[in-house]
Protein backbone atom coordinates (compact mmCIF):
# COMPACT_ATOMS: atom_id res chain seq x y z
CA UNK A 1 -5.70 -94.93 83.77
CA UNK A 2 -5.53 -96.88 80.45
CA UNK A 3 -2.99 -96.67 77.87
CA UNK A 4 -4.43 -95.68 74.87
CA UNK A 5 -3.06 -96.83 71.51
CA UNK A 6 -2.01 -94.00 68.77
CA UNK A 7 -5.09 -95.17 66.58
CA UNK A 8 -7.42 -94.41 69.93
CA UNK A 9 -5.77 -91.26 70.42
CA UNK A 10 -6.35 -90.36 66.23
CA UNK A 11 -9.34 -91.07 66.21
CA UNK A 12 -10.47 -89.25 69.82
CA UNK A 13 -8.07 -86.30 68.42
CA UNK A 14 -9.20 -85.78 65.13
CA UNK A 15 -12.97 -86.29 66.14
CA UNK A 16 -12.18 -83.08 69.02
CA UNK A 17 -10.77 -80.86 65.97
CA UNK A 18 -14.02 -80.95 63.86
CA UNK A 19 -14.88 -77.90 65.49
CA UNK A 20 -12.13 -75.63 64.05
CA UNK A 21 -13.32 -74.66 60.41
CA UNK A 22 -10.32 -72.32 59.38
CA UNK A 23 -8.38 -74.57 57.83
CA UNK A 24 -8.30 -74.19 54.36
CA UNK A 25 -4.61 -73.68 52.53
CA UNK A 26 -5.56 -71.47 49.55
CA UNK A 27 -2.81 -68.75 49.60
CA UNK A 28 0.49 -71.18 50.59
CA UNK A 29 3.79 -70.96 49.08
CA UNK A 30 4.63 -73.36 46.41
CA UNK A 31 7.20 -75.57 47.54
CA UNK A 32 8.04 -78.86 45.62
CA UNK A 33 10.22 -81.75 46.81
CA UNK A 34 11.23 -82.20 42.98
CA UNK A 35 12.85 -79.03 42.92
CA UNK A 36 14.09 -78.17 46.27
CA UNK A 37 14.72 -81.80 47.48
CA UNK A 38 13.09 -83.05 51.12
CA UNK A 39 9.60 -84.63 51.19
CA UNK A 40 6.20 -83.18 50.41
CA UNK A 41 4.48 -80.75 48.25
CA UNK A 42 2.34 -77.92 48.48
CA UNK A 43 1.46 -78.11 44.57
CA UNK A 44 -1.46 -80.48 43.16
CA UNK A 45 -4.39 -82.30 44.90
CA UNK A 46 -3.83 -84.17 48.19
CA UNK A 47 -8.26 -86.23 57.00
CA UNK A 48 -10.14 -83.52 56.25
CA UNK A 49 -11.06 -82.17 52.31
CA UNK A 50 -11.01 -78.25 52.28
CA UNK A 51 -11.67 -76.32 49.29
CA UNK A 52 -9.59 -73.70 48.27
CA UNK A 53 -11.22 -70.17 46.47
CA UNK A 54 -10.04 -71.48 43.26
CA UNK A 55 -11.84 -74.89 43.89
CA UNK A 56 -9.18 -77.07 44.61
CA UNK A 57 -9.72 -79.92 46.79
CA UNK A 58 -7.21 -79.83 49.36
CA UNK A 59 -6.73 -82.80 52.09
CA UNK A 60 -5.31 -81.89 55.57
CA UNK A 61 -4.38 -84.07 58.82
CA UNK A 62 -6.48 -81.84 61.53
CA UNK A 63 -5.89 -82.63 64.46
CA UNK A 64 -5.18 -81.54 68.17
CA UNK A 65 -2.28 -82.32 69.95
CA UNK A 66 -4.42 -82.45 73.14
CA UNK A 67 -8.18 -81.92 73.86
CA UNK A 68 -7.37 -81.68 77.99
CA UNK A 69 -7.56 -77.83 78.79
CA UNK A 70 -6.88 -75.64 81.43
CA UNK A 71 -9.13 -73.44 80.42
CA UNK A 72 -13.11 -73.60 80.43
CA UNK A 73 -14.86 -72.19 77.75
CA UNK A 74 -18.40 -73.08 77.95
CA UNK A 75 -19.40 -73.69 74.61
CA UNK A 76 -16.04 -75.75 73.88
CA UNK A 77 -16.63 -79.23 73.99
CA UNK A 78 -12.85 -79.81 75.46
CA UNK A 79 -13.39 -77.01 78.08
CA UNK A 80 -11.58 -78.38 81.50
CA UNK A 81 -15.14 -79.08 83.61
CA UNK A 82 -16.23 -81.27 80.20
CA UNK A 83 -16.66 -85.40 80.65
CA UNK A 84 -14.91 -86.06 77.59
CA UNK A 85 -12.35 -88.70 76.86
CA UNK A 86 -9.41 -86.68 77.18
CA UNK A 87 -6.07 -87.88 74.91
CA UNK A 88 -2.79 -86.46 74.20
CA UNK A 89 0.02 -87.04 71.11
CA UNK A 90 3.70 -86.33 71.71
CA UNK A 91 5.22 -83.86 69.43
CA UNK A 92 7.15 -87.21 68.10
CA UNK A 93 3.96 -88.86 67.65
CA UNK A 94 2.59 -85.71 65.28
CA UNK A 95 5.50 -85.53 63.36
CA UNK A 96 5.73 -89.70 62.55
CA UNK A 97 1.49 -88.99 61.92
CA UNK A 98 2.23 -86.31 58.96
CA UNK A 99 5.03 -88.02 57.52
CA UNK A 100 2.99 -91.49 57.51
CA UNK A 101 -0.19 -89.90 56.13
CA UNK A 102 1.53 -87.78 53.58
CA UNK A 103 3.72 -90.69 51.86
CA UNK A 104 0.40 -92.98 51.71
CA UNK A 105 -1.01 -89.77 49.91
CA UNK A 106 -3.64 -89.31 52.38
CA UNK A 107 -2.77 -85.89 52.71
CA UNK A 108 -1.04 -83.02 51.62
CA UNK A 109 -0.34 -80.74 54.68
CA UNK A 110 -1.28 -80.51 58.40
CA UNK A 111 -3.66 -78.28 60.65
CA UNK A 112 -2.74 -78.42 64.10
CA UNK A 113 -4.13 -77.11 67.05
CA UNK A 114 -4.56 -77.90 70.63
CA UNK A 115 -6.22 -77.85 74.19
CA UNK A 116 -4.36 -75.67 76.62
CA UNK A 117 -2.23 -77.38 79.21
CA UNK A 118 0.06 -76.56 81.85
CA UNK A 119 0.46 -72.97 80.35
CA UNK A 120 0.05 -71.42 77.54
CA UNK A 121 3.94 -70.74 77.07
CA UNK A 122 4.18 -74.60 77.16
CA UNK A 123 1.27 -75.80 74.74
CA UNK A 124 2.91 -72.52 72.32
CA UNK A 125 6.43 -74.67 72.39
CA UNK A 126 5.05 -78.22 71.70
CA UNK A 127 2.91 -76.80 68.73
CA UNK A 128 6.36 -75.11 67.15
CA UNK A 129 8.16 -78.37 67.93
CA UNK A 130 6.11 -80.29 65.53
CA UNK A 131 6.67 -77.84 62.74
CA UNK A 132 10.37 -77.47 63.41
CA UNK A 133 11.06 -80.89 63.19
CA UNK A 134 8.30 -81.54 60.20
CA UNK A 135 10.45 -78.76 58.32
CA UNK A 136 14.28 -78.83 59.76
CA UNK A 137 14.76 -82.60 60.64
CA UNK A 138 12.54 -84.44 58.08
CA UNK A 139 12.53 -81.92 54.90
CA UNK A 140 8.45 -81.84 55.00
CA UNK A 141 7.67 -79.20 52.27
CA UNK A 142 4.01 -79.64 52.60
CA UNK A 143 1.47 -77.41 53.89
CA UNK A 144 1.49 -76.49 57.62
CA UNK A 145 -1.32 -74.30 59.41
CA UNK A 146 -0.67 -73.95 63.07
CA UNK A 147 -2.83 -72.36 65.78
CA UNK A 148 -1.35 -70.31 67.62
CA UNK A 149 -2.42 -69.18 71.34
CA UNK A 150 -2.28 -65.65 72.03
CA UNK A 151 -1.64 -65.56 75.70
CA UNK A 152 1.61 -67.64 74.64
CA UNK A 153 4.92 -65.73 74.23
CA UNK A 154 5.17 -63.27 71.20
CA UNK A 155 8.81 -64.67 70.66
CA UNK A 156 7.16 -68.33 70.14
CA UNK A 157 4.50 -67.28 67.96
CA UNK A 158 6.83 -65.50 65.68
CA UNK A 159 8.72 -68.66 65.77
CA UNK A 160 5.74 -70.72 64.43
CA UNK A 161 5.31 -68.07 61.43
CA UNK A 162 8.83 -69.04 60.23
CA UNK A 163 7.69 -72.60 59.92
CA UNK A 164 4.16 -72.53 59.05
CA UNK A 165 2.54 -71.33 55.88
CA UNK A 166 -0.83 -70.16 58.26
CA UNK A 167 -1.29 -68.75 61.59
CA UNK A 168 -4.45 -68.50 63.19
CA UNK A 169 -6.14 -67.35 66.75
CA UNK A 170 -9.70 -67.85 66.89
CA UNK A 171 -11.56 -64.90 68.32
CA UNK A 172 -14.61 -67.46 68.70
CA UNK A 173 -17.11 -64.44 69.54
CA UNK A 174 -16.89 -60.84 68.44
CA UNK A 175 -17.81 -58.79 70.92
CA UNK A 176 -15.13 -58.67 74.36
CA UNK A 177 -18.62 -59.05 76.80
CA UNK A 178 -19.29 -61.99 75.02
CA UNK A 179 -16.03 -63.20 75.12
CA UNK A 180 -15.96 -62.46 78.94
CA UNK A 181 -18.77 -63.78 79.88
CA UNK A 182 -18.64 -67.41 78.31
CA UNK A 183 -14.91 -67.80 77.97
CA UNK A 184 -13.45 -65.45 81.06
CA UNK A 185 -9.83 -66.95 80.73
CA UNK A 186 -9.88 -65.47 77.79
CA UNK A 187 -8.82 -61.63 76.71
CA UNK A 188 -10.57 -60.34 73.45
CA UNK A 189 -8.34 -57.14 73.88
CA UNK A 190 -5.30 -59.68 73.89
CA UNK A 191 -6.31 -61.34 71.09
CA UNK A 192 -6.45 -58.42 68.86
CA UNK A 193 -3.11 -57.49 69.77
CA UNK A 194 -1.63 -60.74 69.09
CA UNK A 195 -3.59 -60.48 65.69
CA UNK A 196 -2.15 -57.07 64.98
CA UNK A 197 1.23 -58.07 66.10
CA UNK A 198 1.12 -61.17 63.25
CA UNK A 199 -0.08 -58.73 60.59
CA UNK A 200 2.79 -56.17 61.16
CA UNK A 201 5.47 -58.93 60.76
CA UNK A 202 3.53 -60.76 57.99
CA UNK A 203 3.32 -57.22 56.11
CA UNK A 204 6.92 -56.47 56.87
CA UNK A 205 8.27 -60.30 55.96
CA UNK A 206 6.39 -59.83 52.14
CA UNK A 207 8.07 -56.48 51.79
CA UNK A 208 11.52 -57.83 52.72
CA UNK A 209 10.31 -60.88 49.69
CA UNK A 210 9.62 -58.12 47.50
CA UNK A 211 13.10 -56.74 47.88
CA UNK A 212 15.30 -60.46 47.58
CA UNK A 213 13.63 -63.74 47.22
CA UNK A 214 16.26 -64.79 49.48
CA UNK A 215 14.47 -63.09 52.67
CA UNK A 216 13.14 -65.52 55.22
CA UNK A 217 9.35 -66.38 54.77
CA UNK A 218 6.82 -65.41 57.63
CA UNK A 219 3.39 -67.44 57.29
CA UNK A 220 3.29 -66.64 53.60
CA UNK A 221 -0.46 -67.74 53.64
CA UNK A 222 -1.34 -64.90 55.79
CA UNK A 223 -3.49 -65.36 59.23
CA UNK A 224 -7.12 -66.38 59.70
CA UNK A 225 -9.48 -66.38 62.52
CA UNK A 226 -12.77 -68.04 63.17
CA UNK A 227 -16.48 -67.11 64.93
CA UNK A 228 -19.33 -69.01 66.62
CA UNK A 229 -22.18 -68.52 65.37
CA UNK A 230 -25.28 -68.26 67.55
CA UNK A 231 -23.41 -69.20 70.90
CA UNK A 232 -24.10 -64.98 72.34
CA UNK A 233 -26.54 -63.09 71.32
CA UNK A 234 -24.16 -61.19 68.52
CA UNK A 235 -26.28 -59.99 65.34
CA UNK A 236 -25.05 -60.63 61.86
CA UNK A 237 -24.28 -57.13 62.03
CA UNK A 238 -21.68 -57.64 64.84
CA UNK A 239 -20.07 -60.35 63.00
CA UNK A 240 -19.76 -58.67 59.74
CA UNK A 241 -18.08 -55.57 61.42
CA UNK A 242 -15.87 -57.26 63.48
CA UNK A 243 -14.92 -59.11 60.12
CA UNK A 244 -14.50 -56.12 58.41
CA UNK A 245 -12.15 -54.43 60.94
CA UNK A 246 -10.01 -57.61 61.05
CA UNK A 247 -9.21 -57.70 57.22
CA UNK A 248 -8.83 -53.90 57.56
CA UNK A 249 -6.51 -53.52 60.42
CA UNK A 250 -5.00 -56.31 60.88
CA UNK A 251 -5.05 -57.69 57.19
CA UNK A 252 -6.52 -61.16 57.95
CA UNK A 253 -6.68 -63.56 54.79
CA UNK A 254 -10.02 -65.67 56.11
CA UNK A 255 -12.55 -64.99 58.53
CA UNK A 256 -14.31 -68.47 59.84
CA UNK A 257 -18.00 -69.27 60.57
CA UNK A 258 -18.74 -71.69 62.65
CA UNK A 259 -22.72 -72.58 63.64
CA UNK A 260 -22.73 -73.49 67.48
CA UNK A 261 -23.64 -76.59 67.88
CA UNK A 262 -24.68 -78.06 71.52
CA UNK A 263 -22.59 -79.94 73.83
CA UNK A 264 -23.19 -82.48 76.68
CA UNK A 265 -23.49 -80.83 79.89
CA UNK A 266 -23.70 -77.45 78.90
CA UNK A 267 -24.11 -74.30 80.55
CA UNK A 268 -27.55 -72.56 80.61
CA UNK A 269 -26.27 -69.66 79.57
CA UNK A 270 -26.01 -71.11 76.39
CA UNK A 271 -28.67 -71.80 73.65
CA UNK A 272 -30.04 -75.13 73.70
CA UNK A 273 -31.10 -75.29 69.99
CA UNK A 274 -28.11 -74.40 67.13
CA UNK A 275 -28.68 -71.60 64.58
CA UNK A 276 -30.33 -72.36 61.12
CA UNK A 277 -27.39 -73.74 58.68
CA UNK A 278 -28.55 -71.63 56.61
CA UNK A 279 -27.53 -68.46 58.46
CA UNK A 280 -23.94 -69.36 58.83
CA UNK A 281 -24.08 -69.62 55.01
CA UNK A 282 -25.30 -66.22 54.30
CA UNK A 283 -22.21 -64.73 56.74
CA UNK A 284 -20.00 -66.75 54.05
CA UNK A 285 -21.98 -65.01 51.53
CA UNK A 286 -21.73 -61.71 52.79
CA UNK A 287 -18.15 -62.22 53.94
CA UNK A 288 -17.65 -62.50 50.09
CA UNK A 289 -19.25 -59.62 48.92
CA UNK A 290 -16.98 -57.77 51.56
CA UNK A 291 -13.82 -59.27 50.48
CA UNK A 292 -14.36 -59.71 46.39
CA UNK A 293 -17.10 -57.52 45.38
CA UNK A 294 -16.56 -54.16 47.00
CA UNK A 295 -19.07 -54.25 48.82
CA UNK A 296 -19.33 -51.93 52.35
CA UNK A 297 -20.60 -53.04 55.53
CA UNK A 298 -23.02 -50.88 55.84
CA UNK A 299 -24.70 -51.96 52.44
CA UNK A 300 -25.11 -55.44 53.54
CA UNK A 301 -26.16 -54.34 57.20
CA UNK A 302 -28.74 -51.87 55.92
CA UNK A 303 -31.00 -54.47 54.28
CA UNK A 304 -30.98 -56.72 57.81
CA UNK A 305 -33.89 -56.54 60.16
CA UNK A 306 -33.17 -57.23 63.76
CA UNK A 307 -29.06 -57.53 62.83
CA UNK A 308 -29.78 -60.58 60.76
CA UNK A 309 -29.73 -61.50 57.19
CA UNK A 310 -32.37 -62.76 55.63
CA UNK A 311 -32.40 -66.42 55.45
CA UNK A 312 -35.07 -66.60 52.42
CA UNK A 313 -32.80 -64.47 49.84
CA UNK A 314 -29.04 -64.11 49.60
CA UNK A 315 -27.36 -61.09 50.61
CA UNK A 316 -27.07 -60.01 47.31
CA UNK A 317 -30.06 -60.16 45.76
CA UNK A 318 -31.25 -57.97 49.09
CA UNK A 319 -29.09 -55.56 48.60
CA UNK A 320 -30.71 -55.16 45.10
CA UNK A 321 -34.04 -55.46 45.76
CA UNK A 322 -33.75 -52.08 48.10
CA UNK A 323 -31.56 -50.50 45.74
CA UNK A 324 -34.13 -50.77 42.95
CA UNK A 325 -33.69 -47.12 41.67
CA UNK A 326 -29.84 -48.35 40.30
CA UNK A 327 -31.33 -51.10 38.01
CA UNK A 328 -31.93 -52.24 35.43
CA UNK A 329 -27.88 -52.21 34.32
CA UNK A 330 -26.79 -52.05 30.78
CA UNK A 331 -24.57 -55.29 30.36
CA UNK A 332 -23.35 -53.33 27.18
CA UNK A 333 -22.22 -50.15 29.14
CA UNK A 334 -22.05 -50.75 33.04
CA UNK A 335 -18.28 -50.60 34.37
CA UNK A 336 -17.20 -54.01 36.45
CA UNK A 337 -18.17 -52.56 39.79
CA UNK A 338 -21.76 -52.31 38.75
CA UNK A 339 -21.96 -55.45 37.09
CA UNK A 340 -20.69 -57.19 40.04
CA UNK A 341 -23.64 -56.17 41.86
CA UNK A 342 -26.49 -57.67 39.61
CA UNK A 343 -27.63 -60.84 41.13
CA UNK A 344 -26.71 -63.64 39.43
CA UNK A 345 -23.55 -62.50 37.95
CA UNK A 346 -20.00 -63.71 39.36
CA UNK A 347 -16.75 -62.56 39.07
CA UNK A 348 -15.98 -64.79 36.43
CA UNK A 349 -19.12 -64.15 34.51
CA UNK A 350 -18.75 -60.82 34.59
CA UNK A 351 -15.16 -60.91 33.11
CA UNK A 352 -16.20 -62.74 30.38
CA UNK A 353 -19.28 -60.12 29.59
CA UNK A 354 -16.66 -57.53 29.34
CA UNK A 355 -14.69 -59.38 27.18
CA UNK A 356 -17.30 -60.47 24.97
CA UNK A 357 -19.04 -56.99 24.77
CA UNK A 358 -15.68 -55.53 22.94
CA UNK A 359 -16.41 -57.56 20.00
CA UNK A 360 -20.75 -57.40 19.69
CA UNK A 361 -23.38 -56.03 21.35
CA UNK A 362 -24.53 -58.78 23.87
CA UNK A 363 -28.06 -59.91 23.66
CA UNK A 364 -30.10 -61.58 26.34
CA UNK A 365 -29.26 -65.07 25.06
CA UNK A 366 -25.59 -64.23 24.99
CA UNK A 367 -25.97 -63.32 28.77
CA UNK A 368 -27.79 -66.77 29.19
CA UNK A 369 -24.65 -68.73 27.73
CA UNK A 370 -22.18 -67.14 30.52
CA UNK A 371 -24.34 -67.11 33.59
CA UNK A 372 -25.96 -70.03 35.29
CA UNK A 373 -29.65 -68.85 36.24
CA UNK A 374 -30.45 -66.54 33.67
CA UNK A 375 -33.92 -66.20 35.34
CA UNK A 376 -32.12 -64.34 38.28
CA UNK A 377 -30.50 -62.14 36.14
CA UNK A 378 -33.19 -60.77 34.09
CA UNK A 379 -34.88 -58.63 35.88
CA UNK A 380 -31.98 -56.55 36.77
CA UNK A 381 -30.18 -56.02 33.29
CA UNK A 382 -30.54 -54.49 30.00
CA UNK A 383 -29.15 -56.28 26.90
CA UNK A 384 -29.33 -55.24 23.16
CA UNK A 385 -32.89 -57.05 22.82
CA UNK A 386 -34.08 -56.71 26.40
CA UNK A 387 -35.53 -54.67 28.90
CA UNK A 388 -37.74 -55.53 31.97
CA UNK A 389 -40.77 -54.37 31.85
CA UNK A 390 -41.03 -54.22 35.81
CA UNK A 391 -38.09 -54.59 38.56
CA UNK A 392 -39.43 -57.33 41.12
CA UNK A 393 -39.70 -56.45 44.57
CA UNK A 394 -40.01 -58.56 47.70
CA UNK A 395 -43.43 -60.16 47.13
CA UNK A 396 -42.52 -61.25 43.91
CA UNK A 397 -39.79 -63.29 45.14
CA UNK A 398 -42.36 -65.54 47.03
CA UNK A 399 -43.66 -66.90 43.64
CA UNK A 400 -41.02 -66.12 41.21
CA UNK A 401 -37.53 -66.71 42.72
CA UNK A 402 -38.37 -69.40 45.52
CA UNK A 403 -35.00 -69.47 47.75
CA UNK A 404 -34.81 -73.11 47.06
CA UNK A 405 -34.27 -72.33 43.28
CA UNK A 406 -31.78 -69.83 43.57
CA UNK A 407 -28.12 -70.52 43.34
CA UNK A 408 -26.42 -70.08 46.70
CA UNK A 409 -23.63 -67.54 45.79
CA UNK A 410 -23.87 -64.85 42.69
């Protein structure tokens, strides 16, 4: 076997990591080497670009320790039966790469995952040792996100949380039947138990930190997971109900959705074609409504046909069209929670409207100055000088509010 150079390893293992979407760094603790000593910082702008919810662009070295794996998940390019070029980094190589890239101002942190080699415990030990070495041996203060292995020893996962800003465990599929069929070495119940244990530890650490700032932090940016869209027959309703349960029961920070990408020599049980990318996008929009706009899963799934979100309109608009009896909404009198349900009005715009109406009755032009697409908002609101003559329905959307013209987020 030809020995690979470090650059060749990086090319293989960085490319192999591209299928994992769960690598945003929002929510990490602020650490600055200028204040505490050491190397790096989680503050400021940062070879993977992600965007935090507040719009910051962050750069991470996103890489696998190895793409060798003893598991044979049919949807994974790195499965044991896959005919791909294999490579592996040592702990020291990952540490050196991270420090070298940071000093060159290429990155502000590390996202580290790995195929499972030898055993889950051995692989988890290697991942944790990278984080430990960066923190303790080199004083690294940058962001670290570690992918944890649910089959690993709970004590190893607990150690990971002491060094990492965020931990993630990928459920990949929302239904246990699909996990058993497509990833037979994985156990959905085991993954959920590990998520629950992580959620408990994170909650306890936060409570201790509120009592004393000297208490040790544990994964201060929380935990996340990823689900693959279109690898099995799970509908969008299954995915959203699973996500809502994760947020409610385990306190997850984020659920990421990744459209299935056909892989070479794939099993016949997998679809031959990828799902529409718009399906992935609609799931992110619906997830945003769950987390930030007060929508329930039943409200969103109630607009679905065949368990799928509409590809032609965003879920907030679909909800509003189905509930025309709740509109129009008076922008001068409606409570914040109702204004958040108006298509085209985002949270920042709603807050600005509420602030502005304290000083004057808002006219339609006032709303237009604050929102991006007044044409989308106008059928659903009442202003001091405006009342719609009729509410739009689905038939109107084909001509008056063409999907290509609509903003993707409201």
